[in-house]
Amino acid sequence: MHATKTTSLFTRFAKASARLAGRPATFLLAASLIVIWGLSGPLFGFSDTWQLVVNTSTTIITFLMVFLIQNTQNRDSEAIQIKLDELIRAIEGAHNSLLDLEELEEGELDRIRAPYQQLAKQARDSLNEAQPVEQAPAVASTKR
C-alpha cells in the first residue's frame, strides 16, 4: 500500500488555514484588530457603518472557517479510524468485529459498548481492591 501526498488545492488550503488559525499569533492578530476597531469607534461616531464593518467581517470569516475546519477534522478523524482499524486487525486477540464501528447506528453502538462499560466499571472497582482486571469482554459479531 502506497499513500500519496495531498494534491488537491482545497485540501492544501484547508490544512494550511486550519494550522494558521490555531496559532497564538493568529489569535493575537484577531484580538488586536478587534481592539483597533473598538478604539476607532469615536473616530467614526460609533456609526452604523462602523458596526457593520466588524459584523460583516466576522460573519464572513466565521462562515468560511467552519467549512475549512470541518474539512480538516473530517480528514483527521478518518485517518485516526483507519489507524485504529489497522491496530485492531493486527493485534492478536483483538475483536475484528470492532472494525469500522463508526459506520453503525447509535443503538448498535450502545449494544456493543455495554460490555466494555461493564469491564471499565470492574477495572475501576478493582483499583480499590488492588486486583487487576485483564479479561476482555465477549463481543457479538455485528450484522451489516
N, C-alpha and C. Protein backbone atom coordinates (compact mmCIF):
# COMPACT_ATOMS: atom_id res chain seq x y z
N MET A 1 0.85 -1.17 0.00
CA MET A 1 0.00 0.00 0.00
C MET A 1 0.89 1.23 0.00
N HIS A 2 0.58 2.18 -0.87
CA HIS A 2 1.39 3.38 -1.00
C HIS A 2 0.48 4.59 -0.88
N ALA A 3 0.69 5.41 0.15
CA ALA A 3 -0.08 6.62 0.33
C ALA A 3 0.54 7.74 -0.48
N THR A 4 -0.31 8.56 -1.07
CA THR A 4 0.19 9.68 -1.86
C THR A 4 -0.03 10.97 -1.10
N LYS A 5 0.82 11.94 -1.37
CA LYS A 5 0.68 13.26 -0.75
C LYS A 5 -0.55 13.94 -1.31
N THR A 6 -1.10 14.84 -0.53
CA THR A 6 -2.27 15.60 -0.94
C THR A 6 -1.92 16.52 -2.11
N THR A 7 -2.74 16.46 -3.15
CA THR A 7 -2.51 17.34 -4.28
C THR A 7 -3.67 18.30 -4.51
N SER A 8 -4.81 18.05 -3.88
CA SER A 8 -5.98 18.91 -4.05
C SER A 8 -5.68 20.31 -3.50
N LEU A 9 -5.96 21.31 -4.30
CA LEU A 9 -5.73 22.69 -3.90
C LEU A 9 -6.57 23.03 -2.66
N PHE A 10 -7.84 22.59 -2.65
CA PHE A 10 -8.69 22.88 -1.49
C PHE A 10 -8.16 22.21 -0.23
N THR A 11 -7.73 20.96 -0.35
CA THR A 11 -7.21 20.25 0.83
C THR A 11 -5.97 20.93 1.37
N ARG A 12 -5.06 21.32 0.49
CA ARG A 12 -3.86 22.03 0.95
C ARG A 12 -4.22 23.35 1.60
N PHE A 13 -5.17 24.07 1.00
CA PHE A 13 -5.62 25.35 1.56
C PHE A 13 -6.29 25.16 2.92
N ALA A 14 -7.16 24.14 3.02
CA ALA A 14 -7.87 23.87 4.27
C ALA A 14 -6.89 23.51 5.39
N LYS A 15 -5.91 22.65 5.08
CA LYS A 15 -4.93 22.26 6.09
C LYS A 15 -4.10 23.46 6.54
N ALA A 16 -3.65 24.26 5.59
CA ALA A 16 -2.83 25.43 5.94
C ALA A 16 -3.64 26.45 6.73
N SER A 17 -4.88 26.67 6.34
CA SER A 17 -5.74 27.63 7.04
C SER A 17 -6.02 27.17 8.47
N ALA A 18 -6.33 25.89 8.63
CA ALA A 18 -6.61 25.37 9.97
C ALA A 18 -5.38 25.46 10.86
N ARG A 19 -4.22 25.15 10.29
CA ARG A 19 -2.96 25.26 11.06
C ARG A 19 -2.71 26.70 11.46
N LEU A 20 -2.88 27.62 10.52
CA LEU A 20 -2.64 29.03 10.78
C LEU A 20 -3.65 29.59 11.79
N ALA A 21 -4.91 29.20 11.65
CA ALA A 21 -5.96 29.71 12.55
C ALA A 21 -5.74 29.26 13.99
N GLY A 22 -5.07 28.14 14.19
CA GLY A 22 -4.87 27.61 15.53
C GLY A 22 -3.64 28.14 16.25
N ARG A 23 -2.92 29.04 15.64
CA ARG A 23 -1.69 29.56 16.25
C ARG A 23 -1.99 30.74 17.17
N PRO A 24 -1.21 30.87 18.24
CA PRO A 24 -1.39 32.01 19.16
C PRO A 24 -1.24 33.36 18.47
N ALA A 25 -0.34 33.46 17.52
CA ALA A 25 -0.15 34.73 16.82
C ALA A 25 -1.41 35.14 16.06
N THR A 26 -2.12 34.17 15.51
CA THR A 26 -3.36 34.46 14.79
C THR A 26 -4.41 34.98 15.75
N PHE A 27 -4.49 34.38 16.93
CA PHE A 27 -5.43 34.87 17.94
C PHE A 27 -5.08 36.30 18.35
N LEU A 28 -3.80 36.55 18.58
CA LEU A 28 -3.38 37.91 18.96
C LEU A 28 -3.69 38.92 17.86
N LEU A 29 -3.50 38.54 16.61
CA LEU A 29 -3.83 39.42 15.49
C LEU A 29 -5.33 39.73 15.49
N ALA A 30 -6.14 38.70 15.64
CA ALA A 30 -7.60 38.90 15.64
C ALA A 30 -8.02 39.78 16.83
N ALA A 31 -7.47 39.51 18.00
CA ALA A 31 -7.80 40.32 19.17
C ALA A 31 -7.35 41.76 18.97
N SER A 32 -6.19 41.95 18.38
CA SER A 32 -5.68 43.31 18.11
C SER A 32 -6.60 44.06 17.15
N LEU A 33 -7.06 43.37 16.12
CA LEU A 33 -7.97 44.01 15.16
C LEU A 33 -9.27 44.44 15.84
N ILE A 34 -9.76 43.63 16.75
CA ILE A 34 -10.98 43.99 17.47
C ILE A 34 -10.73 45.21 18.37
N VAL A 35 -9.58 45.24 19.04
CA VAL A 35 -9.24 46.39 19.88
C VAL A 35 -9.12 47.66 19.02
N ILE A 36 -8.44 47.56 17.90
CA ILE A 36 -8.30 48.71 17.00
C ILE A 36 -9.66 49.17 16.50
N TRP A 37 -10.50 48.20 16.14
CA TRP A 37 -11.86 48.53 15.71
C TRP A 37 -12.60 49.25 16.83
N GLY A 38 -12.51 48.72 18.04
CA GLY A 38 -13.21 49.35 19.17
C GLY A 38 -12.70 50.75 19.46
N LEU A 39 -11.39 50.94 19.39
CA LEU A 39 -10.81 52.26 19.65
C LEU A 39 -11.14 53.27 18.55
N SER A 40 -11.42 52.76 17.35
CA SER A 40 -11.76 53.67 16.24
C SER A 40 -13.21 54.12 16.29
N GLY A 41 -13.99 53.58 17.20
CA GLY A 41 -15.40 53.93 17.30
C GLY A 41 -15.65 55.43 17.43
N PRO A 42 -14.97 56.12 18.35
CA PRO A 42 -15.20 57.57 18.46
C PRO A 42 -14.83 58.33 17.18
N LEU A 43 -13.83 57.85 16.48
CA LEU A 43 -13.40 58.49 15.24
C LEU A 43 -14.52 58.45 14.19
N PHE A 44 -15.31 57.38 14.20
CA PHE A 44 -16.40 57.23 13.24
C PHE A 44 -17.77 57.49 13.88
N GLY A 45 -17.77 58.02 15.09
CA GLY A 45 -19.02 58.35 15.77
C GLY A 45 -19.88 57.13 16.08
N PHE A 46 -19.24 55.99 16.25
CA PHE A 46 -19.97 54.74 16.53
C PHE A 46 -21.13 54.55 15.55
N SER A 47 -20.89 54.86 14.29
CA SER A 47 -21.94 54.83 13.27
C SER A 47 -22.37 53.40 12.95
N ASP A 48 -23.49 53.31 12.23
CA ASP A 48 -23.98 52.00 11.79
C ASP A 48 -22.99 51.33 10.86
N THR A 49 -22.35 52.12 10.00
CA THR A 49 -21.36 51.57 9.07
C THR A 49 -20.17 51.00 9.84
N TRP A 50 -19.74 51.71 10.86
CA TRP A 50 -18.63 51.25 11.71
C TRP A 50 -18.96 49.90 12.33
N GLN A 51 -20.18 49.73 12.82
CA GLN A 51 -20.60 48.46 13.41
C GLN A 51 -20.76 47.39 12.34
N LEU A 52 -21.26 47.80 11.19
CA LEU A 52 -21.49 46.85 10.10
C LEU A 52 -20.18 46.24 9.59
N VAL A 53 -19.12 47.01 9.63
CA VAL A 53 -17.82 46.52 9.16
C VAL A 53 -17.39 45.30 9.96
N VAL A 54 -17.42 45.40 11.28
CA VAL A 54 -16.97 44.27 12.09
C VAL A 54 -17.97 43.12 12.05
N ASN A 55 -19.25 43.43 12.03
CA ASN A 55 -20.25 42.37 11.97
C ASN A 55 -20.14 41.57 10.68
N THR A 56 -20.02 42.25 9.58
CA THR A 56 -19.91 41.57 8.29
C THR A 56 -18.60 40.79 8.19
N SER A 57 -17.52 41.41 8.61
CA SER A 57 -16.21 40.74 8.54
C SER A 57 -16.19 39.47 9.38
N THR A 58 -16.64 39.55 10.60
CA THR A 58 -16.59 38.37 11.47
C THR A 58 -17.55 37.28 10.98
N THR A 59 -18.68 37.67 10.44
CA THR A 59 -19.63 36.68 9.92
C THR A 59 -19.04 35.93 8.74
N ILE A 60 -18.43 36.64 7.82
CA ILE A 60 -17.84 36.00 6.64
C ILE A 60 -16.69 35.08 7.04
N ILE A 61 -15.81 35.57 7.91
CA ILE A 61 -14.67 34.77 8.35
C ILE A 61 -15.15 33.52 9.08
N THR A 62 -16.11 33.67 9.97
CA THR A 62 -16.63 32.53 10.72
C THR A 62 -17.28 31.52 9.79
N PHE A 63 -18.07 31.99 8.85
CA PHE A 63 -18.75 31.10 7.91
C PHE A 63 -17.74 30.27 7.12
N LEU A 64 -16.71 30.90 6.60
CA LEU A 64 -15.71 30.18 5.82
C LEU A 64 -14.87 29.24 6.68
N MET A 65 -14.51 29.68 7.88
CA MET A 65 -13.67 28.86 8.76
C MET A 65 -14.39 27.59 9.20
N VAL A 66 -15.70 27.65 9.36
CA VAL A 66 -16.45 26.46 9.74
C VAL A 66 -16.21 25.33 8.74
N PHE A 67 -16.26 25.65 7.46
CA PHE A 67 -16.08 24.63 6.43
C PHE A 67 -14.63 24.16 6.35
N LEU A 68 -13.70 25.08 6.48
CA LEU A 68 -12.29 24.70 6.42
C LEU A 68 -11.91 23.81 7.60
N ILE A 69 -12.34 24.18 8.78
CA ILE A 69 -12.00 23.40 9.97
C ILE A 69 -12.72 22.05 9.94
N GLN A 70 -13.97 22.03 9.50
CA GLN A 70 -14.70 20.76 9.41
C GLN A 70 -14.03 19.82 8.43
N ASN A 71 -13.55 20.34 7.32
CA ASN A 71 -12.85 19.52 6.35
C ASN A 71 -11.61 18.89 6.97
N THR A 72 -10.85 19.68 7.68
CA THR A 72 -9.64 19.18 8.34
C THR A 72 -9.98 18.15 9.40
N GLN A 73 -11.01 18.41 10.20
CA GLN A 73 -11.41 17.46 11.24
C GLN A 73 -11.91 16.15 10.64
N ASN A 74 -12.67 16.23 9.56
CA ASN A 74 -13.16 15.01 8.91
C ASN A 74 -11.99 14.15 8.42
N ARG A 75 -11.03 14.78 7.79
CA ARG A 75 -9.87 14.05 7.27
C ARG A 75 -9.06 13.44 8.41
N ASP A 76 -8.85 14.21 9.48
CA ASP A 76 -8.11 13.69 10.63
C ASP A 76 -8.85 12.53 11.28
N SER A 77 -10.15 12.66 11.42
CA SER A 77 -10.96 11.61 12.03
C SER A 77 -10.91 10.33 11.20
N GLU A 78 -11.00 10.46 9.88
CA GLU A 78 -10.93 9.28 9.02
C GLU A 78 -9.56 8.61 9.12
N ALA A 79 -8.50 9.40 9.19
CA ALA A 79 -7.16 8.83 9.31
C ALA A 79 -7.00 8.10 10.64
N ILE A 80 -7.53 8.66 11.71
CA ILE A 80 -7.45 8.01 13.02
C ILE A 80 -8.23 6.69 12.99
N GLN A 81 -9.42 6.69 12.38
CA GLN A 81 -10.22 5.47 12.31
C GLN A 81 -9.48 4.38 11.55
N ILE A 82 -8.83 4.75 10.46
CA ILE A 82 -8.07 3.75 9.68
C ILE A 82 -6.92 3.19 10.52
N LYS A 83 -6.23 4.06 11.26
CA LYS A 83 -5.12 3.60 12.10
C LYS A 83 -5.63 2.68 13.21
N LEU A 84 -6.76 3.03 13.82
CA LEU A 84 -7.33 2.17 14.86
C LEU A 84 -7.78 0.83 14.28
N ASP A 85 -8.40 0.88 13.10
CA ASP A 85 -8.81 -0.37 12.44
C ASP A 85 -7.60 -1.26 12.18
N GLU A 86 -6.49 -0.67 11.75
CA GLU A 86 -5.28 -1.46 11.49
C GLU A 86 -4.74 -2.06 12.79
N LEU A 87 -4.78 -1.31 13.88
CA LEU A 87 -4.33 -1.86 15.16
C LEU A 87 -5.20 -3.03 15.60
N ILE A 88 -6.51 -2.88 15.45
CA ILE A 88 -7.42 -3.96 15.82
C ILE A 88 -7.14 -5.18 14.95
N ARG A 89 -6.96 -4.96 13.65
CA ARG A 89 -6.71 -6.06 12.73
C ARG A 89 -5.40 -6.78 13.05
N ALA A 90 -4.38 -6.02 13.42
CA ALA A 90 -3.04 -6.58 13.58
C ALA A 90 -2.79 -7.22 14.96
N ILE A 91 -3.54 -6.83 15.97
CA ILE A 91 -3.29 -7.33 17.32
C ILE A 91 -4.02 -8.66 17.52
N GLU A 92 -3.25 -9.67 17.85
CA GLU A 92 -3.83 -10.99 18.09
C GLU A 92 -4.73 -10.92 19.32
N GLY A 93 -5.90 -11.48 19.20
CA GLY A 93 -6.85 -11.49 20.31
C GLY A 93 -7.83 -10.32 20.27
N ALA A 94 -7.55 -9.33 19.43
CA ALA A 94 -8.49 -8.21 19.29
C ALA A 94 -9.70 -8.68 18.50
N HIS A 95 -10.83 -8.07 18.75
CA HIS A 95 -12.07 -8.45 18.08
C HIS A 95 -12.18 -7.73 16.74
N ASN A 96 -12.03 -8.47 15.65
CA ASN A 96 -12.16 -7.86 14.33
C ASN A 96 -13.56 -7.33 14.08
N SER A 97 -14.53 -7.78 14.85
CA SER A 97 -15.90 -7.27 14.69
C SER A 97 -15.98 -5.79 15.09
N LEU A 98 -14.93 -5.28 15.74
CA LEU A 98 -14.93 -3.87 16.13
C LEU A 98 -14.42 -2.96 15.01
N LEU A 99 -13.97 -3.55 13.90
CA LEU A 99 -13.53 -2.74 12.78
C LEU A 99 -14.70 -1.96 12.20
N ASP A 100 -14.45 -0.71 11.83
CA ASP A 100 -15.43 0.11 11.12
C ASP A 100 -16.69 0.40 11.94
N LEU A 101 -16.54 0.49 13.25
CA LEU A 101 -17.70 0.75 14.10
C LEU A 101 -18.37 2.09 13.82
N GLU A 102 -17.61 3.06 13.33
CA GLU A 102 -18.16 4.39 13.12
C GLU A 102 -19.29 4.39 12.09
N GLU A 103 -19.44 3.29 11.36
CA GLU A 103 -20.50 3.20 10.35
C GLU A 103 -21.81 2.65 10.91
N LEU A 104 -21.81 2.20 12.16
CA LEU A 104 -23.00 1.59 12.75
C LEU A 104 -23.96 2.65 13.29
N GLU A 105 -25.21 2.21 13.48
CA GLU A 105 -26.23 3.07 14.07
C GLU A 105 -26.00 3.19 15.58
N GLU A 106 -26.57 4.23 16.16
CA GLU A 106 -26.39 4.52 17.59
C GLU A 106 -26.79 3.35 18.49
N GLY A 107 -27.91 2.72 18.20
CA GLY A 107 -28.38 1.61 19.03
C GLY A 107 -27.42 0.43 19.02
N GLU A 108 -26.87 0.13 17.84
CA GLU A 108 -25.92 -0.97 17.71
C GLU A 108 -24.63 -0.63 18.47
N LEU A 109 -24.20 0.63 18.39
CA LEU A 109 -23.01 1.05 19.14
C LEU A 109 -23.24 0.92 20.64
N ASP A 110 -24.42 1.30 21.09
CA ASP A 110 -24.74 1.19 22.53
C ASP A 110 -24.69 -0.27 22.98
N ARG A 111 -25.21 -1.18 22.14
CA ARG A 111 -25.21 -2.60 22.48
C ARG A 111 -23.78 -3.12 22.57
N ILE A 112 -22.93 -2.72 21.63
CA ILE A 112 -21.54 -3.18 21.64
C ILE A 112 -20.75 -2.54 22.78
N ARG A 113 -21.07 -1.29 23.12
CA ARG A 113 -20.35 -0.56 24.17
C ARG A 113 -20.65 -1.13 25.57
N ALA A 114 -21.82 -1.70 25.77
CA ALA A 114 -22.25 -2.15 27.11
C ALA A 114 -21.25 -3.06 27.80
N PRO A 115 -20.74 -4.12 27.15
CA PRO A 115 -19.78 -4.97 27.86
C PRO A 115 -18.47 -4.24 28.20
N TYR A 116 -18.09 -3.29 27.37
CA TYR A 116 -16.87 -2.52 27.65
C TYR A 116 -17.08 -1.57 28.83
N GLN A 117 -18.27 -1.02 28.93
CA GLN A 117 -18.58 -0.17 30.08
C GLN A 117 -18.56 -0.99 31.37
N GLN A 118 -19.08 -2.21 31.30
CA GLN A 118 -19.06 -3.11 32.46
C GLN A 118 -17.62 -3.45 32.83
N LEU A 119 -16.79 -3.75 31.83
CA LEU A 119 -15.39 -4.05 32.07
C LEU A 119 -14.67 -2.85 32.71
N ALA A 120 -14.96 -1.65 32.22
CA ALA A 120 -14.35 -0.44 32.78
C ALA A 120 -14.77 -0.26 34.24
N LYS A 121 -16.03 -0.53 34.52
CA LYS A 121 -16.51 -0.43 35.91
C LYS A 121 -15.79 -1.43 36.81
N GLN A 122 -15.64 -2.67 36.31
CA GLN A 122 -14.92 -3.68 37.08
C GLN A 122 -13.47 -3.26 37.31
N ALA A 123 -12.85 -2.68 36.30
CA ALA A 123 -11.45 -2.25 36.43
C ALA A 123 -11.33 -1.14 37.47
N ARG A 124 -12.25 -0.18 37.45
CA ARG A 124 -12.22 0.90 38.44
C ARG A 124 -12.45 0.35 39.84
N ASP A 125 -13.41 -0.60 39.96
CA ASP A 125 -13.69 -1.21 41.26
C ASP A 125 -12.47 -1.99 41.75
N SER A 126 -11.77 -2.64 40.83
CA SER A 126 -10.61 -3.44 41.23
C SER A 126 -9.45 -2.58 41.68
N LEU A 127 -9.42 -1.32 41.25
CA LEU A 127 -8.37 -0.41 41.71
C LEU A 127 -8.43 -0.27 43.23
N ASN A 128 -9.64 -0.22 43.75
CA ASN A 128 -9.82 -0.10 45.20
C ASN A 128 -9.40 -1.38 45.92
N GLU A 129 -9.55 -2.51 45.21
CA GLU A 129 -9.22 -3.80 45.81
C GLU A 129 -7.82 -4.27 45.41
N ALA A 130 -7.14 -3.49 44.57
CA ALA A 130 -5.79 -3.81 44.08
C ALA A 130 -5.74 -5.15 43.36
N GLN A 131 -6.80 -5.45 42.59
CA GLN A 131 -6.83 -6.68 41.80
C GLN A 131 -6.94 -6.30 40.33
N PRO A 132 -6.04 -6.79 39.48
CA PRO A 132 -6.09 -6.44 38.06
C PRO A 132 -7.26 -7.12 37.35
N VAL A 133 -7.85 -6.40 36.42
CA VAL A 133 -8.90 -6.95 35.57
C VAL A 133 -8.36 -6.91 34.16
N GLU A 134 -8.10 -8.09 33.59
CA GLU A 134 -7.49 -8.14 32.27
C GLU A 134 -8.31 -8.92 31.26
N GLN A 135 -9.48 -9.37 31.64
CA GLN A 135 -10.27 -10.20 30.75
C GLN A 135 -11.08 -9.32 29.79
N ALA A 136 -10.93 -9.55 28.50
CA ALA A 136 -11.68 -8.81 27.51
C ALA A 136 -13.12 -9.32 27.46
N PRO A 137 -14.07 -8.45 27.27
CA PRO A 137 -15.45 -8.89 27.21
C PRO A 137 -15.75 -9.60 25.89
N ALA A 138 -16.72 -10.49 25.94
CA ALA A 138 -17.14 -11.17 24.71
C ALA A 138 -17.95 -10.15 23.90
N VAL A 139 -17.66 -10.08 22.62
CA VAL A 139 -18.35 -9.15 21.73
C VAL A 139 -19.04 -9.95 20.64
N ALA A 140 -20.34 -9.72 20.52
CA ALA A 140 -21.10 -10.43 19.48
C ALA A 140 -20.72 -9.89 18.12
N SER A 141 -20.77 -10.71 17.13
CA SER A 141 -20.49 -10.30 15.77
C SER A 141 -21.53 -9.29 15.33
N THR A 142 -21.08 -8.23 14.62
CA THR A 142 -22.02 -7.20 14.18
C THR A 142 -22.58 -7.56 12.82
N LYS A 143 -23.85 -7.28 12.62
CA LYS A 143 -24.52 -7.55 11.34
C LYS A 143 -24.36 -6.35 10.44
N ARG A 144 -24.25 -6.58 9.17
CA ARG A 144 -24.14 -5.49 8.18
C ARG A 144 -25.33 -5.48 7.30
